[in-house]
Amino acid sequence: MMKIDLPHRVIESIKQLGKKYAIQKIILFGSRARGDNSSRSDIDLAIYPSIGFSSKGSFASDIEDLDTLLKIDLVFIDENTDPQLIDTIEKEGVVLYER
């Protein structure tokens, strides 16, 4: 796995939330996954929810409570997600959690 610029505690917290909400997969993408981020770059996460997932608000709230001052952008992947974005996520992304 490539070196990603995220504190270990943040990665572990993301994994715990993945388990708590029975998420299928969480992928870090964008500059932090590519390694060309600055210290203040946001954290881009692609969330692949389980069938019937209905806790976007609670999940997003828990993500915002993570121990980081960085902005976290969430993209929930579903049938309406731009295929080009999904392609980019799959190519450059780093899987942080997978069930």
PDB file of N, CA and C in Angstrom:
ATOM      1  N   MET A   1       0.849  -1.197   0.000  1.00  0.00           N
ATOM      2  CA  MET A   1       0.000   0.000   0.000  1.00  0.00           C
ATOM      3  C   MET A   1       0.879   1.240   0.000  1.00  0.00           C
ATOM      4  N   MET A   2       0.508   2.225  -0.797  1.00  0.00           N
ATOM      5  CA  MET A   2       1.300   3.444  -0.874  1.00  0.00           C
ATOM      6  C   MET A   2       1.176   4.240   0.432  1.00  0.00           C
ATOM      7  N   LYS A   3       2.122   5.126   0.653  1.00  0.00           N
ATOM      8  CA  LYS A   3       2.095   5.968   1.853  1.00  0.00           C
ATOM      9  C   LYS A   3       1.044   7.048   1.660  1.00  0.00           C
ATOM     10  N   ILE A   4       0.067   7.061   2.545  1.00  0.00           N
ATOM     11  CA  ILE A   4      -0.959   8.092   2.445  1.00  0.00           C
ATOM     12  C   ILE A   4      -0.776   9.054   3.610  1.00  0.00           C
ATOM     13  N   ASP A   5      -0.994  10.326   3.332  1.00  0.00           N
ATOM     14  CA  ASP A   5      -0.736  11.357   4.321  1.00  0.00           C
ATOM     15  C   ASP A   5      -1.969  11.603   5.172  1.00  0.00           C
ATOM     16  N   LEU A   6      -2.208  10.667   6.086  1.00  0.00           N
ATOM     17  CA  LEU A   6      -3.313  10.775   7.043  1.00  0.00           C
ATOM     18  C   LEU A   6      -2.828  10.180   8.354  1.00  0.00           C
ATOM     19  N   PRO A   7      -3.111  10.836   9.474  1.00  0.00           N
ATOM     20  CA  PRO A   7      -2.707  10.253  10.749  1.00  0.00           C
ATOM     21  C   PRO A   7      -3.349   8.879  10.962  1.00  0.00           C
ATOM     22  N   HIS A   8      -2.569   7.961  11.547  1.00  0.00           N
ATOM     23  CA  HIS A   8      -3.038   6.605  11.801  1.00  0.00           C
ATOM     24  C   HIS A   8      -4.355   6.608  12.592  1.00  0.00           C
ATOM     25  N   ARG A   9      -4.470   7.502  13.576  1.00  0.00           N
ATOM     26  CA  ARG A   9      -5.681   7.539  14.420  1.00  0.00           C
ATOM     27  C   ARG A   9      -6.921   7.898  13.588  1.00  0.00           C
ATOM     28  N   VAL A  10      -6.750   8.729  12.571  1.00  0.00           N
ATOM     29  CA  VAL A  10      -7.869   9.106  11.707  1.00  0.00           C
ATOM     30  C   VAL A  10      -8.277   7.909  10.847  1.00  0.00           C
ATOM     31  N   ILE A  11      -7.292   7.198  10.307  1.00  0.00           N
ATOM     32  CA  ILE A  11      -7.584   6.002   9.504  1.00  0.00           C
ATOM     33  C   ILE A  11      -8.315   4.969  10.362  1.00  0.00           C
ATOM     34  N   GLU A  12      -7.836   4.752  11.593  1.00  0.00           N
ATOM     35  CA  GLU A  12      -8.470   3.785  12.490  1.00  0.00           C
ATOM     36  C   GLU A  12      -9.905   4.202  12.822  1.00  0.00           C
ATOM     37  N   SER A  13     -10.126   5.491  13.039  1.00  0.00           N
ATOM     38  CA  SER A  13     -11.477   5.991  13.333  1.00  0.00           C
ATOM     39  C   SER A  13     -12.409   5.778  12.148  1.00  0.00           C
ATOM     40  N   ILE A  14     -11.889   5.998  10.933  1.00  0.00           N
ATOM     41  CA  ILE A  14     -12.688   5.771   9.721  1.00  0.00           C
ATOM     42  C   ILE A  14     -13.073   4.297   9.618  1.00  0.00           C
ATOM     43  N   LYS A  15     -12.121   3.402   9.916  1.00  0.00           N
ATOM     44  CA  LYS A  15     -12.408   1.960   9.887  1.00  0.00           C
ATOM     45  C   LYS A  15     -13.496   1.607  10.905  1.00  0.00           C
ATOM     46  N   GLN A  16     -13.415   2.185  12.094  1.00  0.00           N
ATOM     47  CA  GLN A  16     -14.417   1.909  13.128  1.00  0.00           C
ATOM     48  C   GLN A  16     -15.809   2.355  12.676  1.00  0.00           C
ATOM     49  N   LEU A  17     -15.877   3.508  12.024  1.00  0.00           N
ATOM     50  CA  LEU A  17     -17.174   3.990  11.536  1.00  0.00           C
ATOM     51  C   LEU A  17     -17.679   3.105  10.394  1.00  0.00           C
ATOM     52  N   GLY A  18     -16.778   2.608   9.571  1.00  0.00           N
ATOM     53  CA  GLY A  18     -17.175   1.672   8.521  1.00  0.00           C
ATOM     54  C   GLY A  18     -17.855   0.450   9.108  1.00  0.00           C
ATOM     55  N   LYS A  19     -17.270  -0.074  10.199  1.00  0.00           N
ATOM     56  CA  LYS A  19     -17.862  -1.236  10.878  1.00  0.00           C
ATOM     57  C   LYS A  19     -19.191  -0.866  11.521  1.00  0.00           C
ATOM     58  N   LYS A  20     -19.201   0.254  12.242  1.00  0.00           N
ATOM     59  CA  LYS A  20     -20.405   0.676  12.972  1.00  0.00           C
ATOM     60  C   LYS A  20     -21.614   0.809  12.037  1.00  0.00           C
ATOM     61  N   TYR A  21     -21.390   1.362  10.851  1.00  0.00           N
ATOM     62  CA  TYR A  21     -22.489   1.609   9.915  1.00  0.00           C
ATOM     63  C   TYR A  21     -22.623   0.531   8.838  1.00  0.00           C
ATOM     64  N   ALA A  22     -21.877  -0.551   8.965  1.00  0.00           N
ATOM     65  CA  ALA A  22     -21.931  -1.661   8.002  1.00  0.00           C
ATOM     66  C   ALA A  22     -21.743  -1.179   6.564  1.00  0.00           C
ATOM     67  N   ILE A  23     -20.766  -0.294   6.388  1.00  0.00           N
ATOM     68  CA  ILE A  23     -20.431   0.230   5.061  1.00  0.00           C
ATOM     69  C   ILE A  23     -19.715  -0.882   4.283  1.00  0.00           C
ATOM     70  N   GLN A  24     -19.949  -0.951   2.977  1.00  0.00           N
ATOM     71  CA  GLN A  24     -19.258  -1.957   2.150  1.00  0.00           C
ATOM     72  C   GLN A  24     -17.777  -1.621   2.000  1.00  0.00           C
ATOM     73  N   LYS A  25     -17.508  -0.341   1.659  1.00  0.00           N
ATOM     74  CA  LYS A  25     -16.130   0.040   1.361  1.00  0.00           C
ATOM     75  C   LYS A  25     -15.983   1.546   1.528  1.00  0.00           C
ATOM     76  N   ILE A  26     -14.801   1.970   2.028  1.00  0.00           N
ATOM     77  CA  ILE A  26     -14.460   3.391   2.121  1.00  0.00           C
ATOM     78  C   ILE A  26     -13.114   3.570   1.428  1.00  0.00           C
ATOM     79  N   ILE A  27     -13.082   4.482   0.457  1.00  0.00           N
ATOM     80  CA  ILE A  27     -11.867   4.718  -0.322  1.00  0.00           C
ATOM     81  C   ILE A  27     -11.437   6.175  -0.167  1.00  0.00           C
ATOM     82  N   LEU A  28     -10.165   6.370   0.183  1.00  0.00           N
ATOM     83  CA  LEU A  28      -9.567   7.698   0.174  1.00  0.00           C
ATOM     84  C   LEU A  28      -9.164   7.998  -1.262  1.00  0.00           C
ATOM     85  N   PHE A  29      -9.535   9.182  -1.767  1.00  0.00           N
ATOM     86  CA  PHE A  29      -9.128   9.558  -3.119  1.00  0.00           C
ATOM     87  C   PHE A  29      -8.712  11.015  -3.125  1.00  0.00           C
ATOM     88  N   GLY A  30      -8.353  11.525  -4.278  1.00  0.00           N
ATOM     89  CA  GLY A  30      -7.913  12.913  -4.357  1.00  0.00           C
ATOM     90  C   GLY A  30      -6.440  13.052  -3.995  1.00  0.00           C
ATOM     91  N   SER A  31      -6.040  14.267  -3.634  1.00  0.00           N
ATOM     92  CA  SER A  31      -4.620  14.567  -3.437  1.00  0.00           C
ATOM     93  C   SER A  31      -3.975  13.733  -2.333  1.00  0.00           C
ATOM     94  N   ARG A  32      -4.718  13.419  -1.268  1.00  0.00           N
ATOM     95  CA  ARG A  32      -4.116  12.629  -0.178  1.00  0.00           C
ATOM     96  C   ARG A  32      -3.863  11.185  -0.596  1.00  0.00           C
ATOM     97  N   ALA A  33      -4.641  10.673  -1.519  1.00  0.00           N
ATOM     98  CA  ALA A  33      -4.404   9.318  -2.032  1.00  0.00           C
ATOM     99  C   ALA A  33      -3.266   9.326  -3.058  1.00  0.00           C
ATOM    100  N   ARG A  34      -3.178  10.404  -3.836  1.00  0.00           N
ATOM    101  CA  ARG A  34      -2.120  10.497  -4.860  1.00  0.00           C
ATOM    102  C   ARG A  34      -0.770  10.869  -4.253  1.00  0.00           C
ATOM    103  N   GLY A  35      -0.812  11.511  -3.077  1.00  0.00           N
ATOM    104  CA  GLY A  35       0.434  11.934  -2.437  1.00  0.00           C
ATOM    105  C   GLY A  35       0.894  13.312  -2.854  1.00  0.00           C
ATOM    106  N   ASP A  36       0.031  14.084  -3.534  1.00  0.00           N
ATOM    107  CA  ASP A  36       0.433  15.438  -3.936  1.00  0.00           C
ATOM    108  C   ASP A  36      -0.333  16.507  -3.146  1.00  0.00           C
ATOM    109  N   ASN A  37      -0.717  16.149  -1.927  1.00  0.00           N
ATOM    110  CA  ASN A  37      -1.479  17.056  -1.078  1.00  0.00           C
ATOM    111  C   ASN A  37      -0.565  18.032  -0.337  1.00  0.00           C
ATOM    112  N   SER A  38      -1.170  19.127   0.114  1.00  0.00           N
ATOM    113  CA  SER A  38      -0.480  20.026   1.046  1.00  0.00           C
ATOM    114  C   SER A  38      -0.935  19.624   2.447  1.00  0.00           C
ATOM    115  N   SER A  39      -0.339  20.231   3.460  1.00  0.00           N
ATOM    116  CA  SER A  39      -0.699  19.868   4.836  1.00  0.00           C
ATOM    117  C   SER A  39      -2.152  20.226   5.149  1.00  0.00           C
ATOM    118  N   ARG A  40      -2.721  21.170   4.387  1.00  0.00           N
ATOM    119  CA  ARG A  40      -4.091  21.605   4.656  1.00  0.00           C
ATOM    120  C   ARG A  40      -5.111  21.043   3.674  1.00  0.00           C
ATOM    121  N   SER A  41      -4.683  20.151   2.790  1.00  0.00           N
ATOM    122  CA  SER A  41      -5.611  19.553   1.820  1.00  0.00           C
ATOM    123  C   SER A  41      -6.724  18.806   2.548  1.00  0.00           C
ATOM    124  N   ASP A  42      -7.917  18.847   1.953  1.00  0.00           N
ATOM    125  CA  ASP A  42      -9.034  18.138   2.576  1.00  0.00           C
ATOM    126  C   ASP A  42      -8.883  16.632   2.384  1.00  0.00           C
ATOM    127  N   ILE A  43      -9.746  15.904   3.057  1.00  0.00           N
ATOM    128  CA  ILE A  43      -9.761  14.447   2.995  1.00  0.00           C
ATOM    129  C   ILE A  43     -10.985  14.053   2.162  1.00  0.00           C
ATOM    130  N   ASP A  44     -10.742  13.448   1.006  1.00  0.00           N
ATOM    131  CA  ASP A  44     -11.833  13.025   0.121  1.00  0.00           C
ATOM    132  C   ASP A  44     -12.095  11.545   0.342  1.00  0.00           C
ATOM    133  N   LEU A  45     -13.317  11.214   0.751  1.00  0.00           N
ATOM    134  CA  LEU A  45     -13.687   9.821   0.998  1.00  0.00           C
ATOM    135  C   LEU A  45     -14.864   9.414   0.124  1.00  0.00           C
ATOM    136  N   ALA A  46     -14.710   8.293  -0.555  1.00  0.00           N
ATOM    137  CA  ALA A  46     -15.822   7.698  -1.303  1.00  0.00           C
ATOM    138  C   ALA A  46     -16.418   6.620  -0.416  1.00  0.00           C
ATOM    139  N   ILE A  47     -17.713   6.701  -0.186  1.00  0.00           N
ATOM    140  CA  ILE A  47     -18.422   5.770   0.685  1.00  0.00           C
ATOM    141  C   ILE A  47     -19.308   4.873  -0.181  1.00  0.00           C
ATOM    142  N   TYR A  48     -19.060   3.573  -0.101  1.00  0.00           N
ATOM    143  CA  TYR A  48     -19.885   2.593  -0.807  1.00  0.00           C
ATOM    144  C   TYR A  48     -20.823   1.978   0.234  1.00  0.00           C
ATOM    145  N   PRO A  49     -22.044   2.513   0.352  1.00  0.00           N
ATOM    146  CA  PRO A  49     -22.944   2.025   1.406  1.00  0.00           C
ATOM    147  C   PRO A  49     -23.523   0.649   1.092  1.00  0.00           C
ATOM    148  N   SER A  50     -24.002  -0.009   2.123  1.00  0.00           N
ATOM    149  CA  SER A  50     -24.698  -1.285   1.959  1.00  0.00           C
ATOM    150  C   SER A  50     -26.078  -1.036   1.365  1.00  0.00           C
ATOM    151  N   ILE A  51     -26.665  -2.076   0.821  1.00  0.00           N
ATOM    152  CA  ILE A  51     -28.044  -2.000   0.319  1.00  0.00           C
ATOM    153  C   ILE A  51     -28.940  -1.564   1.488  1.00  0.00           C
ATOM    154  N   GLY A  52     -29.811  -0.617   1.222  1.00  0.00           N
ATOM    155  CA  GLY A  52     -30.748  -0.183   2.258  1.00  0.00           C
ATOM    156  C   GLY A  52     -30.156   0.780   3.278  1.00  0.00           C
ATOM    157  N   PHE A  53     -28.949   1.278   3.027  1.00  0.00           N
ATOM    158  CA  PHE A  53     -28.297   2.210   3.949  1.00  0.00           C
ATOM    159  C   PHE A  53     -29.139   3.482   4.065  1.00  0.00           C
ATOM    160  N   SER A  54     -29.456   3.879   5.296  1.00  0.00           N
ATOM    161  CA  SER A  54     -30.299   5.068   5.471  1.00  0.00           C
ATOM    162  C   SER A  54     -29.754   5.983   6.564  1.00  0.00           C
ATOM    163  N   SER A  55     -28.452   5.919   6.810  1.00  0.00           N
ATOM    164  CA  SER A  55     -27.866   6.691   7.916  1.00  0.00           C
ATOM    165  C   SER A  55     -26.841   7.718   7.445  1.00  0.00           C
ATOM    166  N   LYS A  56     -27.062   8.297   6.249  1.00  0.00           N
ATOM    167  CA  LYS A  56     -26.097   9.273   5.723  1.00  0.00           C
ATOM    168  C   LYS A  56     -25.829  10.399   6.713  1.00  0.00           C
ATOM    169  N   GLY A  57     -26.897  10.941   7.279  1.00  0.00           N
ATOM    170  CA  GLY A  57     -26.752  12.064   8.198  1.00  0.00           C
ATOM    171  C   GLY A  57     -25.937  11.710   9.429  1.00  0.00           C
ATOM    172  N   SER A  58     -26.258  10.578  10.051  1.00  0.00           N
ATOM    173  CA  SER A  58     -25.536  10.134  11.248  1.00  0.00           C
ATOM    174  C   SER A  58     -24.081   9.819  10.917  1.00  0.00           C
ATOM    175  N   PHE A  59     -23.866   9.145   9.789  1.00  0.00           N
ATOM    176  CA  PHE A  59     -22.508   8.795   9.376  1.00  0.00           C
ATOM    177  C   PHE A  59     -21.695  10.066   9.140  1.00  0.00           C
ATOM    178  N   ALA A  60     -22.272  11.014   8.403  1.00  0.00           N
ATOM    179  CA  ALA A  60     -21.579  12.270   8.106  1.00  0.00           C
ATOM    180  C   ALA A  60     -21.258  13.031   9.390  1.00  0.00           C
ATOM    181  N   SER A  61     -22.192  13.020  10.321  1.00  0.00           N
ATOM    182  CA  SER A  61     -21.981  13.696  11.606  1.00  0.00           C
ATOM    183  C   SER A  61     -20.830  13.048  12.371  1.00  0.00           C
ATOM    184  N   ASP A  62     -20.801  11.725  12.395  1.00  0.00           N
ATOM    185  CA  ASP A  62     -19.711  11.012  13.082  1.00  0.00           C
ATOM    186  C   ASP A  62     -18.367  11.261  12.391  1.00  0.00           C
ATOM    187  N   ILE A  63     -18.364  11.328  11.073  1.00  0.00           N
ATOM    188  CA  ILE A  63     -17.127  11.619  10.331  1.00  0.00           C
ATOM    189  C   ILE A  63     -16.627  13.019  10.695  1.00  0.00           C
ATOM    190  N   GLU A  64     -17.543  13.988  10.790  1.00  0.00           N
ATOM    191  CA  GLU A  64     -17.154  15.354  11.142  1.00  0.00           C
ATOM    192  C   GLU A  64     -16.558  15.441  12.541  1.00  0.00           C
ATOM    193  N   ASP A  65     -16.916  14.492  13.404  1.00  0.00           N
ATOM    194  CA  ASP A  65     -16.402  14.476  14.769  1.00  0.00           C
ATOM    195  C   ASP A  65     -15.024  13.833  14.893  1.00  0.00           C
ATOM    196  N   LEU A  66     -14.451  13.367  13.783  1.00  0.00           N
ATOM    197  CA  LEU A  66     -13.130  12.746  13.847  1.00  0.00           C
ATOM    198  C   LEU A  66     -12.099  13.740  14.375  1.00  0.00           C
ATOM    199  N   ASP A  67     -11.055  13.204  14.958  1.00  0.00           N
ATOM    200  CA  ASP A  67     -10.008  14.001  15.587  1.00  0.00           C
ATOM    201  C   ASP A  67      -9.061  14.601  14.543  1.00  0.00           C
ATOM    202  N   THR A  68      -9.598  15.520  13.739  1.00  0.00           N
ATOM    203  CA  THR A  68      -8.788  16.226  12.750  1.00  0.00           C
ATOM    204  C   THR A  68      -9.425  17.583  12.478  1.00  0.00           C
ATOM    205  N   LEU A  69      -8.587  18.561  12.182  1.00  0.00           N
ATOM    206  CA  LEU A  69      -9.095  19.889  11.835  1.00  0.00           C
ATOM    207  C   LEU A  69      -9.299  20.023  10.330  1.00  0.00           C
ATOM    208  N   LEU A  70      -8.941  18.972   9.595  1.00  0.00           N
ATOM    209  CA  LEU A  70      -9.066  19.017   8.140  1.00  0.00           C
ATOM    210  C   LEU A  70     -10.519  18.845   7.718  1.00  0.00           C
ATOM    211  N   LYS A  71     -10.857  19.496   6.605  1.00  0.00           N
ATOM    212  CA  LYS A  71     -12.198  19.343   6.039  1.00  0.00           C
ATOM    213  C   LYS A  71     -12.294  17.954   5.411  1.00  0.00           C
ATOM    214  N   ILE A  72     -13.424  17.297   5.624  1.00  0.00           N
ATOM    215  CA  ILE A  72     -13.642  15.966   5.056  1.00  0.00           C
ATOM    216  C   ILE A  72     -14.810  16.037   4.077  1.00  0.00           C
ATOM    217  N   ASP A  73     -14.538  15.650   2.835  1.00  0.00           N
ATOM    218  CA  ASP A  73     -15.581  15.615   1.807  1.00  0.00           C
ATOM    219  C   ASP A  73     -15.993  14.165   1.588  1.00  0.00           C
ATOM    220  N   LEU A  74     -17.296  13.917   1.682  1.00  0.00           N
ATOM    221  CA  LEU A  74     -17.832  12.575   1.477  1.00  0.00           C
ATOM    222  C   LEU A  74     -18.563  12.502   0.142  1.00  0.00           C
ATOM    223  N   VAL A  75     -18.324  11.415  -0.582  1.00  0.00           N
ATOM    224  CA  VAL A  75     -19.088  11.117  -1.788  1.00  0.00           C
ATOM    225  C   VAL A  75     -19.713   9.747  -1.565  1.00  0.00           C
ATOM    226  N   PHE A  76     -21.042   9.717  -1.468  1.00  0.00           N
ATOM    227  CA  PHE A  76     -21.745   8.430  -1.333  1.00  0.00           C
ATOM    228  C   PHE A  76     -21.967   7.878  -2.733  1.00  0.00           C
ATOM    229  N   ILE A  77     -21.427   6.703  -2.995  1.00  0.00           N
ATOM    230  CA  ILE A  77     -21.485   6.104  -4.332  1.00  0.00           C
ATOM    231  C   ILE A  77     -22.809   5.357  -4.502  1.00  0.00           C
ATOM    232  N   ASP A  78     -23.540   5.728  -5.547  1.00  0.00           N
ATOM    233  CA  ASP A  78     -24.783   5.027  -5.870  1.00  0.00           C
ATOM    234  C   ASP A  78     -24.985   5.070  -7.383  1.00  0.00           C
ATOM    235  N   GLU A  79     -26.141   4.658  -7.822  1.00  0.00           N
ATOM    236  CA  GLU A  79     -26.368   4.562  -9.277  1.00  0.00           C
ATOM    237  C   GLU A  79     -26.376   5.929  -9.956  1.00  0.00           C
ATOM    238  N   ASN A  80     -26.496   7.013  -9.190  1.00  0.00           N
ATOM    239  CA  ASN A  80     -26.513   8.353  -9.770  1.00  0.00           C
ATOM    240  C   ASN A  80     -25.134   9.014  -9.800  1.00  0.00           C
ATOM    241  N   THR A  81     -24.131   8.347  -9.261  1.00  0.00           N
ATOM    242  CA  THR A  81     -22.793   8.927  -9.216  1.00  0.00           C
ATOM    243  C   THR A  81     -22.185   8.961 -10.614  1.00  0.00           C
ATOM    244  N   ASP A  82     -21.543  10.073 -10.939  1.00  0.00           N
ATOM    245  CA  ASP A  82     -20.895  10.265 -12.238  1.00  0.00           C
ATOM    246  C   ASP A  82     -19.891   9.130 -12.493  1.00  0.00           C
ATOM    247  N   PRO A  83     -20.077   8.389 -13.587  1.00  0.00           N
ATOM    248  CA  PRO A  83     -19.167   7.269 -13.892  1.00  0.00           C
ATOM    249  C   PRO A  83     -17.700   7.692 -13.990  1.00  0.00           C
ATOM    250  N   GLN A  84     -17.438   8.911 -14.472  1.00  0.00           N
ATOM    251  CA  GLN A  84     -16.047   9.389 -14.563  1.00  0.00           C
ATOM    252  C   GLN A  84     -15.448   9.553 -13.171  1.00  0.00           C
ATOM    253  N   LEU A  85     -16.246  10.036 -12.228  1.00  0.00           N
ATOM    254  CA  LEU A  85     -15.770  10.185 -10.851  1.00  0.00           C
ATOM    255  C   LEU A  85     -15.466   8.807 -10.260  1.00  0.00           C
ATOM    256  N   ILE A  86     -16.354   7.855 -10.483  1.00  0.00           N
ATOM    257  CA  ILE A  86     -16.130   6.488  -9.983  1.00  0.00           C
ATOM    258  C   ILE A  86     -14.851   5.914 -10.586  1.00  0.00           C
ATOM    259  N   ASP A  87     -14.630   6.155 -11.871  1.00  0.00           N
ATOM    260  CA  ASP A  87     -13.422   5.677 -12.539  1.00  0.00           C
ATOM    261  C   ASP A  87     -12.174   6.271 -11.883  1.00  0.00           C
ATOM    262  N   THR A  88     -12.198   7.568 -11.618  1.00  0.00           N
ATOM    263  CA  THR A  88     -11.074   8.241 -10.962  1.00  0.00           C
ATOM    264  C   THR A  88     -10.836   7.663  -9.570  1.00  0.00           C
ATOM    265  N   ILE A  89     -11.911   7.483  -8.822  1.00  0.00           N
ATOM    266  CA  ILE A  89     -11.809   6.925  -7.458  1.00  0.00           C
ATOM    267  C   ILE A  89     -11.191   5.532  -7.504  1.00  0.00           C
ATOM    268  N   GLU A  90     -11.664   4.693  -8.433  1.00  0.00           N
ATOM    269  CA  GLU A  90     -11.162   3.320  -8.529  1.00  0.00           C
ATOM    270  C   GLU A  90      -9.691   3.282  -8.960  1.00  0.00           C
ATOM    271  N   LYS A  91      -9.281   4.252  -9.810  1.00  0.00           N
ATOM    272  CA  LYS A  91      -7.901   4.270 -10.313  1.00  0.00           C
ATOM    273  C   LYS A  91      -6.912   4.798  -9.275  1.00  0.00           C
ATOM    274  N   GLU A  92      -7.240   5.932  -8.651  1.00  0.00           N
ATOM    275  CA  GLU A  92      -6.262   6.589  -7.782  1.00  0.00           C
ATOM    276  C   GLU A  92      -6.518   6.352  -6.298  1.00  0.00           C
ATOM    277  N   GLY A  93      -7.667   5.781  -5.981  1.00  0.00           N
ATOM    278  CA  GLY A  93      -8.050   5.655  -4.581  1.00  0.00           C
ATOM    279  C   GLY A  93      -7.294   4.586  -3.813  1.00  0.00           C
ATOM    280  N   VAL A  94      -7.305   4.757  -2.488  1.00  0.00           N
ATOM    281  CA  VAL A  94      -6.701   3.797  -1.569  1.00  0.00           C
ATOM    282  C   VAL A  94      -7.814   3.311  -0.642  1.00  0.00           C
ATOM    283  N   VAL A  95      -8.046   2.006  -0.625  1.00  0.00           N
ATOM    284  CA  VAL A  95      -9.101   1.445   0.219  1.00  0.00           C
ATOM    285  C   VAL A  95      -8.664   1.547   1.682  1.00  0.00           C
ATOM    286  N   LEU A  96      -9.477   2.250   2.485  1.00  0.00           N
ATOM    287  CA  LEU A  96      -9.197   2.372   3.918  1.00  0.00           C
ATOM    288  C   LEU A  96      -9.967   1.326   4.714  1.00  0.00           C
ATOM    289  N   TYR A  97     -11.126   0.942   4.174  1.00  0.00           N
ATOM    290  CA  TYR A  97     -11.963  -0.042   4.867  1.00  0.00           C
ATOM    291  C   TYR A  97     -12.743  -0.833   3.832  1.00  0.00           C
ATOM    292  N   GLU A  98     -12.831  -2.135   4.048  1.00  0.00           N
ATOM    293  CA  GLU A  98     -13.663  -2.970   3.190  1.00  0.00           C
ATOM    294  C   GLU A  98     -14.201  -4.116   4.026  1.00  0.00           C
ATOM    295  N   ARG A  99     -15.505  -4.333   3.890  1.00  0.00           N
ATOM    296  CA  ARG A  99     -16.165  -5.387   4.664  1.00  0.00           C
ATOM    297  C   ARG A  99     -15.891  -6.739   4.067  1.00  0.00           C
TER     298      ARG A  99
END
